[in-house]
Amino acid sequence: LLYKPIDRVTRSTLVLHDLLKHTPADHPDYPLLQDALRISQNFLSSINEDIDPRRTAVTTPKGEVRQWGA
């Protein structure tokens, strides 16, 4: 349930991106679509930056050393 709002913004960002691709550059809504896309991408980037450090802290318990390999 916690990912549902973020998922909605992600899907909206993809729709905005597709809509912008199919909107002529001289259309009056084109700059507004660019702004909306930029705002939603910045929002998603800030969410990713906030989540990434926490993910590392949670998956690596204190004192345990993990190594990749076979």
N, C-alpha and C. Protein backbone atom coordinates (compact mmCIF):
# COMPACT_ATOMS: atom_id res chain seq x y z
N LEU A 1 0.81 -1.20 0.00
CA LEU A 1 0.00 0.00 0.00
C LEU A 1 0.85 1.27 0.00
N LEU A 2 2.06 1.15 0.57
CA LEU A 2 2.90 2.34 0.63
C LEU A 2 3.43 2.74 -0.75
N TYR A 3 3.54 1.79 -1.66
CA TYR A 3 4.08 2.10 -2.98
C TYR A 3 3.02 2.62 -3.95
N LYS A 4 1.75 2.50 -3.59
CA LYS A 4 0.68 2.89 -4.51
C LYS A 4 0.74 4.36 -4.94
N PRO A 5 0.92 5.31 -4.02
CA PRO A 5 1.02 6.71 -4.46
C PRO A 5 2.23 6.98 -5.35
N ILE A 6 3.35 6.36 -5.04
CA ILE A 6 4.56 6.55 -5.85
C ILE A 6 4.36 5.91 -7.21
N ASP A 7 3.71 4.73 -7.23
CA ASP A 7 3.43 4.05 -8.49
C ASP A 7 2.54 4.91 -9.38
N ARG A 8 1.60 5.60 -8.78
CA ARG A 8 0.71 6.48 -9.55
C ARG A 8 1.51 7.62 -10.19
N VAL A 9 2.43 8.19 -9.45
CA VAL A 9 3.26 9.27 -10.01
C VAL A 9 4.16 8.72 -11.11
N THR A 10 4.68 7.52 -10.93
CA THR A 10 5.52 6.90 -11.95
C THR A 10 4.74 6.70 -13.25
N ARG A 11 3.52 6.17 -13.13
CA ARG A 11 2.70 5.97 -14.32
C ARG A 11 2.33 7.30 -14.97
N SER A 12 2.03 8.29 -14.16
CA SER A 12 1.69 9.61 -14.70
C SER A 12 2.88 10.21 -15.44
N THR A 13 4.07 9.99 -14.92
CA THR A 13 5.28 10.50 -15.57
C THR A 13 5.46 9.85 -16.94
N LEU A 14 5.21 8.55 -17.02
CA LEU A 14 5.31 7.86 -18.31
C LEU A 14 4.27 8.37 -19.30
N VAL A 15 3.06 8.63 -18.82
CA VAL A 15 2.00 9.17 -19.69
C VAL A 15 2.38 10.56 -20.17
N LEU A 16 2.91 11.39 -19.27
CA LEU A 16 3.34 12.74 -19.67
C LEU A 16 4.44 12.66 -20.72
N HIS A 17 5.37 11.74 -20.54
CA HIS A 17 6.47 11.59 -21.49
C HIS A 17 5.93 11.21 -22.88
N ASP A 18 5.02 10.25 -22.93
CA ASP A 18 4.43 9.86 -24.21
C ASP A 18 3.60 10.98 -24.82
N LEU A 19 2.84 11.66 -23.99
CA LEU A 19 2.02 12.77 -24.48
C LEU A 19 2.89 13.88 -25.06
N LEU A 20 4.00 14.15 -24.41
CA LEU A 20 4.91 15.19 -24.88
C LEU A 20 5.53 14.80 -26.23
N LYS A 21 5.81 13.50 -26.41
CA LYS A 21 6.36 13.04 -27.68
C LYS A 21 5.39 13.27 -28.83
N HIS A 22 4.10 13.17 -28.56
CA HIS A 22 3.09 13.28 -29.61
C HIS A 22 2.44 14.66 -29.69
N THR A 23 2.94 15.60 -28.91
CA THR A 23 2.42 16.97 -28.95
C THR A 23 3.36 17.84 -29.77
N PRO A 24 2.83 18.55 -30.75
CA PRO A 24 3.70 19.43 -31.54
C PRO A 24 4.33 20.51 -30.65
N ALA A 25 5.55 20.88 -30.98
CA ALA A 25 6.29 21.85 -30.18
C ALA A 25 5.62 23.23 -30.18
N ASP A 26 4.83 23.52 -31.20
CA ASP A 26 4.18 24.83 -31.26
C ASP A 26 2.80 24.83 -30.59
N HIS A 27 2.40 23.73 -30.01
CA HIS A 27 1.11 23.66 -29.31
C HIS A 27 1.19 24.49 -28.03
N PRO A 28 0.12 25.20 -27.67
CA PRO A 28 0.16 26.05 -26.46
C PRO A 28 0.39 25.28 -25.16
N ASP A 29 0.04 23.99 -25.13
CA ASP A 29 0.23 23.20 -23.91
C ASP A 29 1.61 22.57 -23.80
N TYR A 30 2.40 22.65 -24.84
CA TYR A 30 3.71 21.99 -24.85
C TYR A 30 4.61 22.44 -23.68
N PRO A 31 4.76 23.75 -23.43
CA PRO A 31 5.61 24.16 -22.29
C PRO A 31 5.06 23.69 -20.94
N LEU A 32 3.73 23.65 -20.82
CA LEU A 32 3.12 23.18 -19.58
C LEU A 32 3.38 21.69 -19.37
N LEU A 33 3.33 20.93 -20.45
CA LEU A 33 3.63 19.50 -20.36
C LEU A 33 5.09 19.27 -19.99
N GLN A 34 5.99 20.08 -20.55
CA GLN A 34 7.41 19.98 -20.20
C GLN A 34 7.62 20.26 -18.71
N ASP A 35 6.96 21.29 -18.20
CA ASP A 35 7.08 21.62 -16.78
C ASP A 35 6.53 20.50 -15.90
N ALA A 36 5.38 19.97 -16.27
CA ALA A 36 4.78 18.88 -15.49
C ALA A 36 5.68 17.66 -15.48
N LEU A 37 6.27 17.33 -16.63
CA LEU A 37 7.18 16.19 -16.71
C LEU A 37 8.43 16.42 -15.87
N ARG A 38 8.98 17.61 -15.94
CA ARG A 38 10.18 17.93 -15.16
C ARG A 38 9.89 17.84 -13.66
N ILE A 39 8.75 18.34 -13.23
CA ILE A 39 8.38 18.32 -11.81
C ILE A 39 8.21 16.88 -11.33
N SER A 40 7.52 16.06 -12.11
CA SER A 40 7.31 14.68 -11.68
C SER A 40 8.61 13.89 -11.69
N GLN A 41 9.49 14.13 -12.65
CA GLN A 41 10.79 13.45 -12.67
C GLN A 41 11.66 13.88 -11.49
N ASN A 42 11.64 15.16 -11.15
CA ASN A 42 12.39 15.63 -9.98
C ASN A 42 11.86 15.01 -8.69
N PHE A 43 10.54 14.89 -8.60
CA PHE A 43 9.93 14.27 -7.43
C PHE A 43 10.38 12.82 -7.29
N LEU A 44 10.33 12.07 -8.39
CA LEU A 44 10.73 10.67 -8.34
C LEU A 44 12.23 10.53 -8.05
N SER A 45 13.04 11.43 -8.56
CA SER A 45 14.48 11.39 -8.27
C SER A 45 14.73 11.64 -6.79
N SER A 46 14.01 12.58 -6.21
CA SER A 46 14.22 12.86 -4.78
C SER A 46 13.76 11.69 -3.93
N ILE A 47 12.70 10.99 -4.34
CA ILE A 47 12.25 9.79 -3.62
C ILE A 47 13.34 8.72 -3.68
N ASN A 48 13.91 8.50 -4.86
CA ASN A 48 14.96 7.50 -5.02
C ASN A 48 16.19 7.83 -4.18
N GLU A 49 16.56 9.10 -4.12
CA GLU A 49 17.72 9.51 -3.32
C GLU A 49 17.47 9.28 -1.84
N ASP A 50 16.23 9.49 -1.39
CA ASP A 50 15.90 9.29 0.02
C ASP A 50 15.85 7.81 0.38
N ILE A 51 15.38 6.98 -0.51
CA ILE A 51 15.21 5.55 -0.23
C ILE A 51 16.52 4.80 -0.31
N ASP A 52 17.39 5.12 -1.24
CA ASP A 52 18.61 4.35 -1.50
C ASP A 52 19.50 4.19 -0.27
N PRO A 53 19.85 5.25 0.48
CA PRO A 53 20.70 5.05 1.66
C PRO A 53 20.03 4.17 2.72
N ARG A 54 18.74 4.28 2.88
CA ARG A 54 18.04 3.46 3.86
C ARG A 54 18.05 1.99 3.48
N ARG A 55 17.95 1.70 2.19
CA ARG A 55 17.94 0.32 1.72
C ARG A 55 19.26 -0.36 2.09
N THR A 56 20.38 0.32 1.93
CA THR A 56 21.68 -0.24 2.27
C THR A 56 21.79 -0.47 3.77
N ALA A 57 21.32 0.48 4.56
CA ALA A 57 21.40 0.37 6.01
C ALA A 57 20.56 -0.78 6.53
N VAL A 58 19.45 -1.06 5.92
CA VAL A 58 18.55 -2.11 6.39
C VAL A 58 19.05 -3.49 5.98
N THR A 59 19.62 -3.61 4.80
CA THR A 59 19.99 -4.93 4.31
C THR A 59 21.33 -5.42 4.83
N THR A 60 22.12 -4.57 5.44
CA THR A 60 23.42 -4.98 5.96
C THR A 60 23.43 -4.87 7.48
N PRO A 61 23.24 -5.99 8.18
CA PRO A 61 23.26 -5.95 9.65
C PRO A 61 24.64 -5.56 10.19
N LYS A 62 24.65 -5.03 11.40
CA LYS A 62 25.91 -4.61 12.03
C LYS A 62 26.86 -5.80 12.19
N GLY A 63 28.10 -5.57 11.85
CA GLY A 63 29.13 -6.56 12.08
C GLY A 63 29.18 -7.66 11.04
N GLU A 64 28.23 -7.73 10.16
CA GLU A 64 28.22 -8.80 9.15
C GLU A 64 28.85 -8.30 7.87
N VAL A 65 29.74 -9.10 7.31
CA VAL A 65 30.41 -8.75 6.07
C VAL A 65 29.84 -9.63 4.97
N ARG A 66 29.35 -9.00 3.92
CA ARG A 66 28.80 -9.76 2.80
C ARG A 66 29.71 -9.63 1.60
N GLN A 67 29.89 -10.72 0.91
CA GLN A 67 30.72 -10.71 -0.28
C GLN A 67 29.94 -11.35 -1.43
N TRP A 68 30.12 -10.79 -2.61
CA TRP A 68 29.51 -11.35 -3.80
C TRP A 68 30.49 -12.34 -4.41
N GLY A 69 30.00 -13.34 -4.98
CA GLY A 69 30.87 -14.29 -5.67
C GLY A 69 30.38 -15.71 -5.50
N ALA A 70 31.06 -16.61 -6.19
CA ALA A 70 30.63 -18.01 -6.15
C ALA A 70 31.64 -18.87 -5.44
